[in-house]
Amino acid sequence: MLAEVRSATRGTHDALDALLPHGLRNLRDYRRYLGALLPLAEWLALGHRGDWSGRDAAWHDGVRLDCLRADCATLGVASAATGAPAPASRAHWLGGCYVIEGSALGARLLARDVGALATAHPEVSGARRFLDHVTADPPRWGRFVRLLATLPDAHAAAATSGARDGFAIVHSRLAPGGTTA
């Protein structure tokens, strides 16, 4: 399932990476980054349904959302609703989780950039909750991939659609002019 979702969203993922080709070079980049992930985290939080498998509980991460909200508030990043309809199914929701869980892999590199930013912008030191949270559990991605692999093949299209929706939410905010910075 991972290979299928990854292959189907490669172009979208590459386009998103191109929006921050050199990482977080300045405070504006960091604000855009946080402001782009917040609506995705909110979309996932609102879309989760309690009647789904107990295995999904770890991916319904309220702490991650709280950390993003706090970091955005610290840096004065406005939040805006996504306008996207709630995930249509568990597979669609897990596809959206693929985006935010995958972002944690890149967050390890971006955390170094944020450390350097804190030297010039002391307020950044108080806005590291999200990065600290998502980088605190390195094996998390492997656990998520194993969960994604449990989806039946018939759900691949829904998972891919959820990943595309997740990437679109982030892209709409990360693109220049997409987030108030």
C-alpha atoms as a PDB file:
ATOM      1  CA  MET A   1       0.000   0.000   0.000  1.00  0.00           C
ATOM      2  CA  LEU A   2       2.852   2.388   0.865  1.00  0.00           C
ATOM      3  CA  ALA A   3       4.463   1.974  -2.553  1.00  0.00           C
ATOM      4  CA  GLU A   4       1.160   2.628  -4.294  1.00  0.00           C
ATOM      5  CA  VAL A   5       0.352   5.774  -2.302  1.00  0.00           C
ATOM      6  CA  ARG A   6       3.930   7.030  -2.605  1.00  0.00           C
ATOM      7  CA  SER A   7       4.025   6.454  -6.356  1.00  0.00           C
ATOM      8  CA  ALA A   8       0.636   8.058  -6.949  1.00  0.00           C
ATOM      9  CA  THR A   9       1.561  11.181  -4.980  1.00  0.00           C
ATOM     10  CA  ARG A  10       5.255  11.536  -5.950  1.00  0.00           C
ATOM     11  CA  GLY A  11       4.687  14.583  -8.182  1.00  0.00           C
ATOM     12  CA  THR A  12       2.564  16.322  -5.571  1.00  0.00           C
ATOM     13  CA  HIS A  13       5.116  15.567  -2.874  1.00  0.00           C
ATOM     14  CA  ASP A  14       7.963  16.869  -5.037  1.00  0.00           C
ATOM     15  CA  ALA A  15       6.025  20.082  -5.768  1.00  0.00           C
ATOM     16  CA  LEU A  16       5.516  20.587  -2.050  1.00  0.00           C
ATOM     17  CA  ASP A  17       9.200  20.014  -1.276  1.00  0.00           C
ATOM     18  CA  ALA A  18      10.082  22.564  -3.952  1.00  0.00           C
ATOM     19  CA  LEU A  19       8.288  25.253  -1.931  1.00  0.00           C
ATOM     20  CA  LEU A  20      11.003  25.036   0.757  1.00  0.00           C
ATOM     21  CA  PRO A  21      13.985  23.840  -1.290  1.00  0.00           C
ATOM     22  CA  HIS A  22      16.579  25.008   1.232  1.00  0.00           C
ATOM     23  CA  GLY A  23      14.685  24.181   4.406  1.00  0.00           C
ATOM     24  CA  LEU A  24      13.631  26.860   6.860  1.00  0.00           C
ATOM     25  CA  ARG A  25      15.980  29.740   6.099  1.00  0.00           C
ATOM     26  CA  ASN A  26      14.119  32.450   7.953  1.00  0.00           C
ATOM     27  CA  LEU A  27      11.239  33.141  10.310  1.00  0.00           C
ATOM     28  CA  ARG A  28       8.835  33.606   7.411  1.00  0.00           C
ATOM     29  CA  ASP A  29       9.600  30.082   6.142  1.00  0.00           C
ATOM     30  CA  TYR A  30       9.014  28.617   9.596  1.00  0.00           C
ATOM     31  CA  ARG A  31       5.734  30.452   9.987  1.00  0.00           C
ATOM     32  CA  ARG A  32       4.611  29.217   6.549  1.00  0.00           C
ATOM     33  CA  TYR A  33       5.603  25.670   7.460  1.00  0.00           C
ATOM     34  CA  LEU A  34       3.644  25.651  10.725  1.00  0.00           C
ATOM     35  CA  GLY A  35       0.718  27.455   9.123  1.00  0.00           C
ATOM     36  CA  ALA A  36       0.607  24.836   6.361  1.00  0.00           C
ATOM     37  CA  LEU A  37       0.598  21.833   8.689  1.00  0.00           C
ATOM     38  CA  LEU A  38      -1.961  23.192  11.163  1.00  0.00           C
ATOM     39  CA  PRO A  39      -4.981  22.900   8.831  1.00  0.00           C
ATOM     40  CA  LEU A  40      -3.925  19.360   7.913  1.00  0.00           C
ATOM     41  CA  ALA A  41      -3.712  18.380  11.589  1.00  0.00           C
ATOM     42  CA  GLU A  42      -7.110  19.998  12.224  1.00  0.00           C
ATOM     43  CA  TRP A  43      -8.634  18.227   9.207  1.00  0.00           C
ATOM     44  CA  LEU A  44      -7.340  14.883  10.484  1.00  0.00           C
ATOM     45  CA  ALA A  45      -8.561  15.566  14.030  1.00  0.00           C
ATOM     46  CA  LEU A  46     -12.041  16.495  12.833  1.00  0.00           C
ATOM     47  CA  GLY A  47     -12.184  13.575  10.419  1.00  0.00           C
ATOM     48  CA  HIS A  48     -11.334  10.819  12.874  1.00  0.00           C
ATOM     49  CA  ARG A  49     -14.256   8.697  13.990  1.00  0.00           C
ATOM     50  CA  GLY A  50     -14.228   6.895  17.308  1.00  0.00           C
ATOM     51  CA  ASP A  51     -15.788   3.739  15.852  1.00  0.00           C
ATOM     52  CA  TRP A  52     -12.701   3.000  13.764  1.00  0.00           C
ATOM     53  CA  SER A  53     -10.195   0.386  14.803  1.00  0.00           C
ATOM     54  CA  GLY A  54      -8.405   0.874  18.110  1.00  0.00           C
ATOM     55  CA  ARG A  55      -5.165   0.604  16.111  1.00  0.00           C
ATOM     56  CA  ASP A  56      -5.949   4.054  14.702  1.00  0.00           C
ATOM     57  CA  ALA A  57      -5.863   5.750  18.102  1.00  0.00           C
ATOM     58  CA  ALA A  58      -2.140   6.525  17.918  1.00  0.00           C
ATOM     59  CA  TRP A  59      -2.608   8.387  14.647  1.00  0.00           C
ATOM     60  CA  HIS A  60      -5.405  10.531  16.069  1.00  0.00           C
ATOM     61  CA  ASP A  61      -2.774  12.682  17.752  1.00  0.00           C
ATOM     62  CA  GLY A  62      -4.335  15.471  19.790  1.00  0.00           C
ATOM     63  CA  VAL A  63      -0.960  16.382  21.279  1.00  0.00           C
ATOM     64  CA  ARG A  64       0.410  17.086  17.799  1.00  0.00           C
ATOM     65  CA  LEU A  65      -2.521  19.397  17.106  1.00  0.00           C
ATOM     66  CA  ASP A  66      -2.147  21.165  20.452  1.00  0.00           C
ATOM     67  CA  CYS A  67       1.571  21.673  19.795  1.00  0.00           C
ATOM     68  CA  LEU A  68       0.910  23.119  16.344  1.00  0.00           C
ATOM     69  CA  ARG A  69      -1.758  25.448  17.680  1.00  0.00           C
ATOM     70  CA  ALA A  70       0.544  26.656  20.467  1.00  0.00           C
ATOM     71  CA  ASP A  71       3.498  27.203  18.111  1.00  0.00           C
ATOM     72  CA  CYS A  72       1.316  29.090  15.650  1.00  0.00           C
ATOM     73  CA  ALA A  73      -0.057  31.264  18.450  1.00  0.00           C
ATOM     74  CA  THR A  74       3.466  31.990  19.716  1.00  0.00           C
ATOM     75  CA  LEU A  75       4.554  33.142  16.256  1.00  0.00           C
ATOM     76  CA  GLY A  76       1.306  34.903  15.351  1.00  0.00           C
ATOM     77  CA  VAL A  77       0.364  32.509  12.548  1.00  0.00           C
ATOM     78  CA  ALA A  78      -3.318  32.743  11.723  1.00  0.00           C
ATOM     79  CA  SER A  79      -5.312  29.564  11.389  1.00  0.00           C
ATOM     80  CA  ALA A  80      -7.876  29.078   8.661  1.00  0.00           C
ATOM     81  CA  ALA A  81     -10.247  26.183   8.092  1.00  0.00           C
ATOM     82  CA  THR A  82      -9.325  23.950   5.183  1.00  0.00           C
ATOM     83  CA  GLY A  83     -12.708  24.026   3.549  1.00  0.00           C
ATOM     84  CA  ALA A  84     -12.061  20.405   2.589  1.00  0.00           C
ATOM     85  CA  PRO A  85     -14.797  17.899   3.348  1.00  0.00           C
ATOM     86  CA  ALA A  86     -14.036  15.502   6.196  1.00  0.00           C
ATOM     87  CA  PRO A  87     -12.265  12.303   5.174  1.00  0.00           C
ATOM     88  CA  ALA A  88     -14.834   9.998   3.610  1.00  0.00           C
ATOM     89  CA  SER A  89     -13.537   6.756   5.083  1.00  0.00           C
ATOM     90  CA  ARG A  90     -10.902   5.255   7.336  1.00  0.00           C
ATOM     91  CA  ALA A  91      -8.664   4.577   4.314  1.00  0.00           C
ATOM     92  CA  HIS A  92      -9.072   8.168   3.130  1.00  0.00           C
ATOM     93  CA  TRP A  93      -8.185   9.415   6.620  1.00  0.00           C
ATOM     94  CA  LEU A  94      -5.127   7.146   6.790  1.00  0.00           C
ATOM     95  CA  GLY A  95      -4.034   8.575   3.434  1.00  0.00           C
ATOM     96  CA  GLY A  96      -4.134  12.032   5.004  1.00  0.00           C
ATOM     97  CA  CYS A  97      -2.191  10.668   7.968  1.00  0.00           C
ATOM     98  CA  TYR A  98       0.453   9.504   5.481  1.00  0.00           C
ATOM     99  CA  VAL A  99       1.170  13.165   4.720  1.00  0.00           C
ATOM    100  CA  ILE A 100       1.542  14.361   8.290  1.00  0.00           C
ATOM    101  CA  GLU A 101       3.371  11.254   9.483  1.00  0.00           C
ATOM    102  CA  GLY A 102       5.753  11.564   6.540  1.00  0.00           C
ATOM    103  CA  SER A 103       6.344  15.201   7.406  1.00  0.00           C
ATOM    104  CA  ALA A 104       7.830  14.036  10.702  1.00  0.00           C
ATOM    105  CA  LEU A 105      10.695  12.442   8.767  1.00  0.00           C
ATOM    106  CA  GLY A 106      11.582  15.806   7.236  1.00  0.00           C
ATOM    107  CA  ALA A 107      11.047  17.518  10.569  1.00  0.00           C
ATOM    108  CA  ARG A 108      14.275  15.981  11.849  1.00  0.00           C
ATOM    109  CA  LEU A 109      16.210  18.036   9.312  1.00  0.00           C
ATOM    110  CA  LEU A 110      14.078  21.129   9.788  1.00  0.00           C
ATOM    111  CA  ALA A 111      14.623  21.037  13.556  1.00  0.00           C
ATOM    112  CA  ARG A 112      18.255  22.002  12.937  1.00  0.00           C
ATOM    113  CA  ASP A 113      17.114  24.985  10.873  1.00  0.00           C
ATOM    114  CA  VAL A 114      14.769  26.070  13.662  1.00  0.00           C
ATOM    115  CA  GLY A 115      17.602  25.817  16.173  1.00  0.00           C
ATOM    116  CA  ALA A 116      19.636  28.228  14.045  1.00  0.00           C
ATOM    117  CA  LEU A 117      16.635  30.556  13.649  1.00  0.00           C
ATOM    118  CA  ALA A 118      16.252  30.775  17.414  1.00  0.00           C
ATOM    119  CA  THR A 119      19.584  32.592  17.602  1.00  0.00           C
ATOM    120  CA  ALA A 120      18.278  35.521  15.571  1.00  0.00           C
ATOM    121  CA  HIS A 121      14.631  35.194  16.681  1.00  0.00           C
ATOM    122  CA  PRO A 122      14.348  34.288  20.384  1.00  0.00           C
ATOM    123  CA  GLU A 123      10.574  33.777  20.039  1.00  0.00           C
ATOM    124  CA  VAL A 124      11.304  30.670  17.976  1.00  0.00           C
ATOM    125  CA  SER A 125      12.678  28.943  21.090  1.00  0.00           C
ATOM    126  CA  GLY A 126       9.135  28.939  22.478  1.00  0.00           C
ATOM    127  CA  ALA A 127       7.674  27.629  19.216  1.00  0.00           C
ATOM    128  CA  ARG A 128       9.326  24.222  18.925  1.00  0.00           C
ATOM    129  CA  ARG A 129       6.623  22.114  20.539  1.00  0.00           C
ATOM    130  CA  PHE A 130       5.450  20.537  17.289  1.00  0.00           C
ATOM    131  CA  LEU A 131       8.942  19.695  16.044  1.00  0.00           C
ATOM    132  CA  ASP A 132       9.943  18.320  19.427  1.00  0.00           C
ATOM    133  CA  HIS A 133       6.792  16.190  19.543  1.00  0.00           C
ATOM    134  CA  VAL A 134       7.038  14.689  16.058  1.00  0.00           C
ATOM    135  CA  THR A 135      10.749  13.953  16.318  1.00  0.00           C
ATOM    136  CA  ALA A 136      10.548  12.331  19.770  1.00  0.00           C
ATOM    137  CA  ASP A 137       9.493   8.893  18.449  1.00  0.00           C
ATOM    138  CA  PRO A 138      11.720   7.830  15.523  1.00  0.00           C
ATOM    139  CA  PRO A 139      10.103   4.366  15.079  1.00  0.00           C
ATOM    140  CA  ARG A 140       6.647   5.953  14.645  1.00  0.00           C
ATOM    141  CA  TRP A 141       6.907   6.030  10.834  1.00  0.00           C
ATOM    142  CA  GLY A 142       7.599   2.289  10.720  1.00  0.00           C
ATOM    143  CA  ARG A 143       4.547   1.594  12.863  1.00  0.00           C
ATOM    144  CA  PHE A 144       2.420   3.774  10.613  1.00  0.00           C
ATOM    145  CA  VAL A 145       3.669   2.009   7.472  1.00  0.00           C
ATOM    146  CA  ARG A 146       2.757  -1.351   9.024  1.00  0.00           C
ATOM    147  CA  LEU A 147      -0.755  -0.072   9.766  1.00  0.00           C
ATOM    148  CA  LEU A 148      -1.130   1.271   6.239  1.00  0.00           C
ATOM    149  CA  ALA A 149      -0.110  -2.160   4.928  1.00  0.00           C
ATOM    150  CA  THR A 150      -3.109  -3.711   6.702  1.00  0.00           C
ATOM    151  CA  LEU A 151      -5.529  -1.875   4.417  1.00  0.00           C
ATOM    152  CA  PRO A 152      -7.114  -4.170   1.843  1.00  0.00           C
ATOM    153  CA  ASP A 153      -5.975  -3.550  -1.734  1.00  0.00           C
ATOM    154  CA  ALA A 154      -9.517  -2.427  -2.560  1.00  0.00           C
ATOM    155  CA  HIS A 155      -8.913   0.623  -0.338  1.00  0.00           C
ATOM    156  CA  ALA A 156      -5.806   1.848  -2.170  1.00  0.00           C
ATOM    157  CA  ALA A 157      -7.738   4.427  -4.192  1.00  0.00           C
ATOM    158  CA  ALA A 158      -9.281   5.907  -1.034  1.00  0.00           C
ATOM    159  CA  ALA A 159      -5.904   6.033   0.737  1.00  0.00           C
ATOM    160  CA  THR A 160      -4.336   7.691  -2.288  1.00  0.00           C
ATOM    161  CA  SER A 161      -7.190  10.199  -2.445  1.00  0.00           C
ATOM    162  CA  GLY A 162      -6.683  11.026   1.230  1.00  0.00           C
ATOM    163  CA  ALA A 163      -2.957  11.554   0.674  1.00  0.00           C
ATOM    164  CA  ARG A 164      -3.666  13.819  -2.282  1.00  0.00           C
ATOM    165  CA  ASP A 165      -6.149  15.798  -0.206  1.00  0.00           C
ATOM    166  CA  GLY A 166      -3.613  16.081   2.601  1.00  0.00           C
ATOM    167  CA  PHE A 167      -0.899  17.304   0.250  1.00  0.00           C
ATOM    168  CA  ALA A 168      -3.352  19.787  -1.294  1.00  0.00           C
ATOM    169  CA  ILE A 169      -4.208  21.248   2.112  1.00  0.00           C
ATOM    170  CA  VAL A 170      -0.535  21.770   2.934  1.00  0.00           C
ATOM    171  CA  HIS A 171       0.321  23.057  -0.541  1.00  0.00           C
ATOM    172  CA  SER A 172      -2.479  25.628  -0.482  1.00  0.00           C
ATOM    173  CA  ARG A 173      -1.016  27.148   2.684  1.00  0.00           C
ATOM    174  CA  LEU A 174       2.684  26.709   1.979  1.00  0.00           C
ATOM    175  CA  ALA A 175       2.625  28.244  -1.486  1.00  0.00           C
ATOM    176  CA  PRO A 176       3.686  31.900  -1.494  1.00  0.00           C
ATOM    177  CA  GLY A 177       0.723  34.005  -0.459  1.00  0.00           C
ATOM    178  CA  GLY A 178      -1.053  30.958   1.012  1.00  0.00           C
ATOM    179  CA  THR A 179      -0.316  31.705   4.666  1.00  0.00           C
ATOM    180  CA  THR A 180      -0.121  34.973   6.440  1.00  0.00           C
ATOM    181  CA  ALA A 181       3.514  35.207   7.444  1.00  0.00           C
END
